[in-house]
Protein backbone atom coordinates (compact mmCIF):
# COMPACT_ATOMS: atom_id res chain seq x y z
CA MET A 1 5.90 -52.60 34.82
CA LEU A 2 4.95 -55.70 36.82
CA MET A 3 8.60 -56.71 37.27
CA GLN A 4 9.47 -53.20 38.42
CA ARG A 5 6.74 -53.26 41.06
CA LEU A 6 7.64 -56.78 42.13
CA THR A 7 11.28 -55.74 42.51
CA ILE A 8 10.22 -52.77 44.66
CA LEU A 9 8.04 -55.03 46.81
CA VAL A 10 10.78 -57.64 47.32
CA SER A 11 13.35 -54.93 48.10
CA GLY A 12 11.02 -53.40 50.69
CA LEU A 13 10.36 -56.78 52.29
CA ILE A 14 14.10 -57.53 52.50
CA PHE A 15 14.74 -54.07 54.00
CA GLY A 16 11.93 -54.52 56.53
CA ALA A 17 13.16 -57.99 57.45
CA GLY A 18 16.66 -56.60 57.98
CA LEU A 19 15.29 -53.89 60.27
CA ALA A 20 13.32 -56.48 62.25
CA VAL A 21 16.25 -58.92 62.54
CA SER A 22 18.60 -56.14 63.67
CA GLY A 23 16.09 -54.96 66.27
CA MET A 24 15.74 -51.49 64.76
CA VAL A 25 11.94 -51.74 65.02
CA ASN A 26 12.44 -51.35 68.77
CA PRO A 27 12.61 -47.60 69.50
CA ALA A 28 14.58 -48.27 72.70
CA LYS A 29 17.54 -49.47 70.58
CA VAL A 30 17.79 -46.08 68.88
CA ILE A 31 17.21 -44.11 72.06
CA ASN A 32 19.85 -46.18 73.91
CA PHE A 33 22.30 -45.44 71.11
CA LEU A 34 21.69 -41.69 71.37
CA ASP A 35 21.62 -41.58 75.19
CA PHE A 36 25.27 -41.33 76.23
CA GLY A 37 24.34 -41.08 79.90
CA GLY A 38 22.15 -44.19 79.88
CA PRO A 39 22.52 -47.81 78.84
CA PHE A 40 24.48 -47.39 75.58
CA ASP A 41 23.61 -49.82 72.76
CA ALA A 42 25.93 -49.77 69.71
CA THR A 43 23.65 -51.97 67.56
CA LEU A 44 22.60 -48.95 65.47
CA LEU A 45 26.23 -48.26 64.59
CA VAL A 46 26.59 -51.81 63.23
CA VAL A 47 23.38 -51.38 61.21
CA PHE A 48 24.69 -48.06 59.81
CA ALA A 49 27.98 -49.68 58.80
CA ALA A 50 26.21 -52.59 57.12
CA GLY A 51 23.88 -50.17 55.33
CA VAL A 52 26.78 -48.08 54.03
CA ALA A 53 28.57 -51.22 52.81
CA VAL A 54 25.48 -52.56 51.01
CA ALA A 55 24.65 -49.15 49.50
CA THR A 56 28.24 -48.64 48.30
CA LEU A 57 28.27 -52.04 46.61
CA GLY A 58 24.80 -51.40 45.19
CA TYR A 59 25.77 -48.05 43.69
CA TYR A 60 28.99 -49.52 42.30
CA LEU A 61 27.18 -52.39 40.57
CA THR A 62 24.22 -50.28 39.48
CA PHE A 63 26.18 -47.51 37.79
CA LYS A 64 28.34 -49.97 35.89
CA ARG A 65 25.19 -50.58 33.83
CA ALA A 66 24.20 -48.36 30.91
CA LYS A 67 20.60 -48.18 32.15
CA PRO A 68 18.41 -49.67 34.87
CA LEU A 69 16.77 -53.05 34.36
CA PHE A 70 13.19 -51.76 34.45
CA ALA A 71 13.46 -48.13 33.31
CA SER A 72 14.83 -46.25 30.33
CA ALA A 73 17.23 -44.09 32.39
CA PHE A 74 18.56 -43.62 35.90
CA SER A 75 16.69 -41.12 38.08
CA VAL A 76 19.43 -39.45 40.09
CA PRO A 77 18.92 -36.26 42.13
CA THR A 78 20.97 -33.41 40.68
CA SER A 79 20.31 -30.58 43.13
CA LYS A 80 23.24 -29.57 45.30
CA VAL A 81 21.37 -26.73 47.02
CA ILE A 82 21.53 -26.68 50.82
CA ASP A 83 18.83 -24.27 51.92
CA ALA A 84 16.80 -23.56 55.05
CA ARG A 85 14.05 -25.95 53.95
CA LEU A 86 16.52 -28.85 53.65
CA VAL A 87 18.35 -28.07 56.90
CA GLY A 88 15.08 -27.46 58.75
CA GLY A 89 13.59 -30.71 57.49
CA ALA A 90 16.72 -32.63 58.48
CA ALA A 91 16.64 -31.04 61.94
CA ILE A 92 12.97 -31.90 62.44
CA PHE A 93 13.65 -35.46 61.25
CA GLY A 94 16.61 -35.84 63.64
CA ILE A 95 14.76 -34.37 66.61
CA GLY A 96 11.75 -36.59 65.96
CA TRP A 97 13.97 -39.64 65.55
CA GLY A 98 15.80 -38.89 68.79
CA ILE A 99 12.59 -38.31 70.75
CA THR A 100 10.58 -41.26 69.43
CA GLY A 101 13.30 -43.71 68.43
CA PHE A 102 11.49 -44.19 65.11
CA CYS A 103 12.20 -43.16 61.56
CA PRO A 104 9.91 -44.08 58.64
CA GLY A 105 11.43 -47.45 57.66
CA PRO A 106 11.49 -49.05 61.11
CA ALA A 107 8.08 -47.57 61.94
CA MET A 108 6.59 -49.23 58.83
CA ALA A 109 8.35 -52.52 59.60
CA SER A 110 7.14 -52.43 63.21
CA LEU A 111 3.54 -52.50 61.98
CA ALA A 112 4.09 -56.25 61.58
CA TYR A 113 4.32 -56.40 65.40
CA LEU A 114 1.11 -54.35 65.78
CA GLN A 115 2.74 -51.78 68.06
CA PRO A 116 0.24 -48.96 68.70
CA VAL A 117 3.10 -46.45 68.96
CA SER A 118 3.98 -47.26 65.32
CA VAL A 119 0.48 -46.42 64.15
CA VAL A 120 0.54 -43.11 66.05
CA PHE A 121 4.01 -42.27 64.67
CA LEU A 122 3.02 -43.09 61.08
CA ALA A 123 -0.21 -41.08 61.37
CA ALA A 124 1.77 -38.08 62.66
CA MET A 125 4.32 -38.55 59.88
CA ALA A 126 1.55 -38.62 57.27
CA VAL A 127 0.05 -35.40 58.66
CA GLY A 128 3.50 -33.75 58.63
CA THR A 129 4.15 -34.90 55.07
CA LEU A 130 0.82 -33.53 53.88
CA ALA A 131 1.43 -30.26 55.74
CA THR A 132 4.76 -29.75 53.95
CA ARG A 133 3.01 -30.13 50.62
CA LEU A 134 0.86 -27.16 51.57
CA LEU A 135 3.86 -24.96 52.38
CA PRO A 136 4.99 -22.91 49.41
CA ALA A 137 8.38 -23.91 48.08
CA LYS A 138 10.77 -21.03 47.46
CA ARG A 139 11.52 -21.07 43.76
């Protein structure tokens, strides 16, 4: 259990460091990528490509194993349902990301820089997350 938690911590620190090094903790980078009429910044595209490459390699190496290192079985989502809740959540996420320039990972990583906007974003995200738990899920 300790090794599992340590692995999660180290993975999170590496992810956060990657976000900081790539500049993704700066909301202006994301906004400048999405603003075709303004000062375009393609850095986010490079980060996406690197993320896809690392994830592809990670999945390839991971699923060659019979089981995970620190669990008895893989925990893989099996649902293939695309419903209004999923599409609505994705739309809200995308709109929020486009408006603020933050998504959860970079917002958490930007806390290291003590940006007040990060604290406000994460507080709003926490309220939104708790609110969705109160909404009844269609079963």
